Structure formats: C-alpha cells, structure tokens
Amino acid sequence: MGLVSNAKWVLQRITGRSPACAHRSEVRDVERRSEGCAECLVLGDAWVHLRMCLSCGQVGCCDSSKNRHAHRHADAQRHPIARSAEPGEDWAWCFVDETLVDVDA
C-alpha cells in the first residue's frame, strides 16, 4: 500500500467502518502455497510482512516490503483480495477498492 492506502487502512481499522468491496465474490477457499514470499525466496530477498491471495493462495510480501509482491500479484493476476498471513492478524484488503474486507462473513 502506498501512503494514502496505508492511511485508509489505519482509518478503517480505527473506526471499524470500510467502504463496500465489489470483489468479495472472488474470495475462494484456498490453501497457503508457501511459508514465505515465494518470489522473495527465489530472489534471496527479505520481506516485512506476508499476504496471502484469497483467489489462489499465493503468498507475497506486503507493500512495506522492498518488492511488494502481493500487490504485484494482485495487479498482474487480477486477484483483488489478500489476507494478512501474519500470526494473530485476521484482516483482508482489497487492492482495487482500497478497503478492508470481511472475508469471514
């Protein structure tokens, strides 16, 4: 996420209010495909946090990471929603609508 997206994420988490996501129907029951960012592992790079694509299970690094693989995957594959793959975190983000998504509803 860029600076504006980060601000949107923080505001939505604090207020508990998020704009509607038009891509909720694209969430699938997927299995995590790797323990780390698949592309960073190949490159030998590090990441900050991990995100898992909810269309296919691809694991990529977050937008605070050098390579932003989760966002790049979302754009390239047109897979809009990723869930945090960090222990203890239970939120998902739509890269297209820039909104938190309740995937457990």
C-alpha atoms as a PDB file:
ATOM      1  CA  MET A   1       0.000   0.000   0.000  1.00  0.00           C
ATOM      2  CA  GLY A   2       1.160   3.460  -0.693  1.00  0.00           C
ATOM      3  CA  LEU A   3       0.947   6.280   1.824  1.00  0.00           C
ATOM      4  CA  VAL A   4      -2.696   7.056   1.005  1.00  0.00           C
ATOM      5  CA  SER A   5      -3.664   3.376   1.133  1.00  0.00           C
ATOM      6  CA  ASN A   6      -1.870   2.985   4.469  1.00  0.00           C
ATOM      7  CA  ALA A   7      -3.824   5.934   5.839  1.00  0.00           C
ATOM      8  CA  LYS A   8      -7.081   4.412   4.581  1.00  0.00           C
ATOM      9  CA  TRP A   9      -6.199   1.076   6.222  1.00  0.00           C
ATOM     10  CA  VAL A  10      -5.432   2.751   9.571  1.00  0.00           C
ATOM     11  CA  LEU A  11      -8.604   4.852   9.490  1.00  0.00           C
ATOM     12  CA  GLN A  12     -10.752   1.847   8.604  1.00  0.00           C
ATOM     13  CA  ARG A  13      -9.184  -0.271  11.376  1.00  0.00           C
ATOM     14  CA  ILE A  14      -9.695   2.504  13.956  1.00  0.00           C
ATOM     15  CA  THR A  15     -13.273   3.363  13.008  1.00  0.00           C
ATOM     16  CA  GLY A  16     -14.371  -0.161  12.136  1.00  0.00           C
ATOM     17  CA  ARG A  17     -16.011   1.251   9.008  1.00  0.00           C
ATOM     18  CA  SER A  18     -14.990   0.333   5.472  1.00  0.00           C
ATOM     19  CA  PRO A  19     -16.435   1.171   2.067  1.00  0.00           C
ATOM     20  CA  ALA A  20     -18.139  -1.726   0.312  1.00  0.00           C
ATOM     21  CA  CYS A  21     -15.936  -4.034  -1.727  1.00  0.00           C
ATOM     22  CA  ALA A  22     -17.205  -5.042  -5.148  1.00  0.00           C
ATOM     23  CA  HIS A  23     -14.833  -8.037  -5.272  1.00  0.00           C
ATOM     24  CA  ARG A  24     -15.932 -10.057  -2.227  1.00  0.00           C
ATOM     25  CA  SER A  25     -17.389 -12.742  -4.519  1.00  0.00           C
ATOM     26  CA  GLU A  26     -13.879 -13.516  -5.824  1.00  0.00           C
ATOM     27  CA  VAL A  27     -12.730 -14.926  -2.473  1.00  0.00           C
ATOM     28  CA  ARG A  28     -12.095 -18.690  -2.702  1.00  0.00           C
ATOM     29  CA  ASP A  29     -11.360 -21.377  -0.138  1.00  0.00           C
ATOM     30  CA  VAL A  30      -7.615 -21.583  -0.814  1.00  0.00           C
ATOM     31  CA  GLU A  31      -4.599 -23.285   0.720  1.00  0.00           C
ATOM     32  CA  ARG A  32      -1.485 -21.296   1.525  1.00  0.00           C
ATOM     33  CA  ARG A  33       1.051 -22.109  -1.205  1.00  0.00           C
ATOM     34  CA  SER A  34       4.269 -21.285   0.686  1.00  0.00           C
ATOM     35  CA  GLU A  35       5.544 -20.354   4.143  1.00  0.00           C
ATOM     36  CA  GLY A  36       7.222 -17.170   2.919  1.00  0.00           C
ATOM     37  CA  CYS A  37       7.008 -14.820  -0.043  1.00  0.00           C
ATOM     38  CA  ALA A  38       7.529 -17.249  -2.915  1.00  0.00           C
ATOM     39  CA  GLU A  39       9.219 -14.687  -5.153  1.00  0.00           C
ATOM     40  CA  CYS A  40      11.463 -13.231  -2.427  1.00  0.00           C
ATOM     41  CA  LEU A  41      12.585 -16.748  -1.514  1.00  0.00           C
ATOM     42  CA  VAL A  42      13.701 -17.305  -5.128  1.00  0.00           C
ATOM     43  CA  LEU A  43      15.463 -13.910  -5.190  1.00  0.00           C
ATOM     44  CA  GLY A  44      17.043 -14.335  -1.767  1.00  0.00           C
ATOM     45  CA  ASP A  45      15.340 -11.129  -0.573  1.00  0.00           C
ATOM     46  CA  ALA A  46      13.745 -10.389   2.785  1.00  0.00           C
ATOM     47  CA  TRP A  47      10.228  -9.134   3.438  1.00  0.00           C
ATOM     48  CA  VAL A  48       8.448  -7.150   6.156  1.00  0.00           C
ATOM     49  CA  HIS A  49       5.043  -8.892   6.311  1.00  0.00           C
ATOM     50  CA  LEU A  50       3.240 -11.534   4.283  1.00  0.00           C
ATOM     51  CA  ARG A  51      -0.116 -11.504   2.495  1.00  0.00           C
ATOM     52  CA  MET A  52      -1.996 -14.478   1.028  1.00  0.00           C
ATOM     53  CA  CYS A  53      -4.078 -14.116  -2.122  1.00  0.00           C
ATOM     54  CA  LEU A  54      -7.652 -15.220  -1.484  1.00  0.00           C
ATOM     55  CA  SER A  55      -8.169 -16.183  -5.123  1.00  0.00           C
ATOM     56  CA  CYS A  56      -5.301 -18.680  -5.417  1.00  0.00           C
ATOM     57  CA  GLY A  57      -3.296 -18.947  -2.160  1.00  0.00           C
ATOM     58  CA  GLN A  58      -0.132 -17.248  -3.479  1.00  0.00           C
ATOM     59  CA  VAL A  59       1.932 -15.794  -0.629  1.00  0.00           C
ATOM     60  CA  GLY A  60       3.633 -12.477  -1.307  1.00  0.00           C
ATOM     61  CA  CYS A  61       5.329  -9.690   0.605  1.00  0.00           C
ATOM     62  CA  CYS A  62       3.416  -6.585   1.704  1.00  0.00           C
ATOM     63  CA  ASP A  63       3.654  -3.077   0.281  1.00  0.00           C
ATOM     64  CA  SER A  64       6.055  -2.094   3.073  1.00  0.00           C
ATOM     65  CA  SER A  65       8.487  -4.679   1.693  1.00  0.00           C
ATOM     66  CA  LYS A  66      11.032  -3.841  -0.996  1.00  0.00           C
ATOM     67  CA  ASN A  67       9.384  -5.906  -3.752  1.00  0.00           C
ATOM     68  CA  ARG A  68       5.657  -5.547  -2.965  1.00  0.00           C
ATOM     69  CA  HIS A  69       4.995  -8.995  -4.464  1.00  0.00           C
ATOM     70  CA  ALA A  70       1.463  -9.393  -3.024  1.00  0.00           C
ATOM     71  CA  HIS A  71       0.299  -6.174  -4.689  1.00  0.00           C
ATOM     72  CA  ARG A  72       2.109  -7.014  -7.926  1.00  0.00           C
ATOM     73  CA  HIS A  73       0.419 -10.428  -7.942  1.00  0.00           C
ATOM     74  CA  ALA A  74      -2.981  -8.803  -7.370  1.00  0.00           C
ATOM     75  CA  ASP A  75      -2.434  -6.435 -10.300  1.00  0.00           C
ATOM     76  CA  ALA A  76      -0.938  -9.000 -12.704  1.00  0.00           C
ATOM     77  CA  GLN A  77      -3.389 -11.826 -11.984  1.00  0.00           C
ATOM     78  CA  ARG A  78      -6.416  -9.640 -11.289  1.00  0.00           C
ATOM     79  CA  HIS A  79      -6.785 -11.286  -7.885  1.00  0.00           C
ATOM     80  CA  PRO A  80      -8.022  -8.320  -5.831  1.00  0.00           C
ATOM     81  CA  ILE A  81      -8.151  -9.523  -2.222  1.00  0.00           C
ATOM     82  CA  ALA A  82      -5.356 -10.701   0.058  1.00  0.00           C
ATOM     83  CA  ARG A  83      -5.460 -11.698   3.705  1.00  0.00           C
ATOM     84  CA  SER A  84      -2.705 -10.939   6.160  1.00  0.00           C
ATOM     85  CA  ALA A  85      -0.598 -14.081   6.554  1.00  0.00           C
ATOM     86  CA  GLU A  86       0.870 -12.834   9.826  1.00  0.00           C
ATOM     87  CA  PRO A  87       0.188 -14.773  13.044  1.00  0.00           C
ATOM     88  CA  GLY A  88      -2.613 -13.224  15.071  1.00  0.00           C
ATOM     89  CA  GLU A  89      -3.888 -10.987  12.255  1.00  0.00           C
ATOM     90  CA  ASP A  90      -7.324 -11.621  10.770  1.00  0.00           C
ATOM     91  CA  TRP A  91      -7.900  -8.859   8.228  1.00  0.00           C
ATOM     92  CA  ALA A  92      -8.097  -8.820   4.434  1.00  0.00           C
ATOM     93  CA  TRP A  93      -7.576  -5.963   1.974  1.00  0.00           C
ATOM     94  CA  CYS A  94      -8.979  -5.300  -1.493  1.00  0.00           C
ATOM     95  CA  PHE A  95      -6.211  -3.735  -3.569  1.00  0.00           C
ATOM     96  CA  VAL A  96      -8.715  -2.478  -6.155  1.00  0.00           C
ATOM     97  CA  ASP A  97     -11.233  -0.817  -3.831  1.00  0.00           C
ATOM     98  CA  GLU A  98      -8.592   0.050  -1.191  1.00  0.00           C
ATOM     99  CA  THR A  99     -10.785  -1.237   1.588  1.00  0.00           C
ATOM    100  CA  LEU A 100     -10.770  -3.770   4.371  1.00  0.00           C
ATOM    101  CA  VAL A 101     -12.876  -6.797   3.533  1.00  0.00           C
ATOM    102  CA  ASP A 102     -14.734  -9.046   5.961  1.00  0.00           C
ATOM    103  CA  VAL A 103     -13.945 -12.450   4.476  1.00  0.00           C
ATOM    104  CA  ASP A 104     -15.455 -14.387   7.374  1.00  0.00           C
ATOM    105  CA  ALA A 105     -18.985 -13.080   6.783  1.00  0.00           C
END
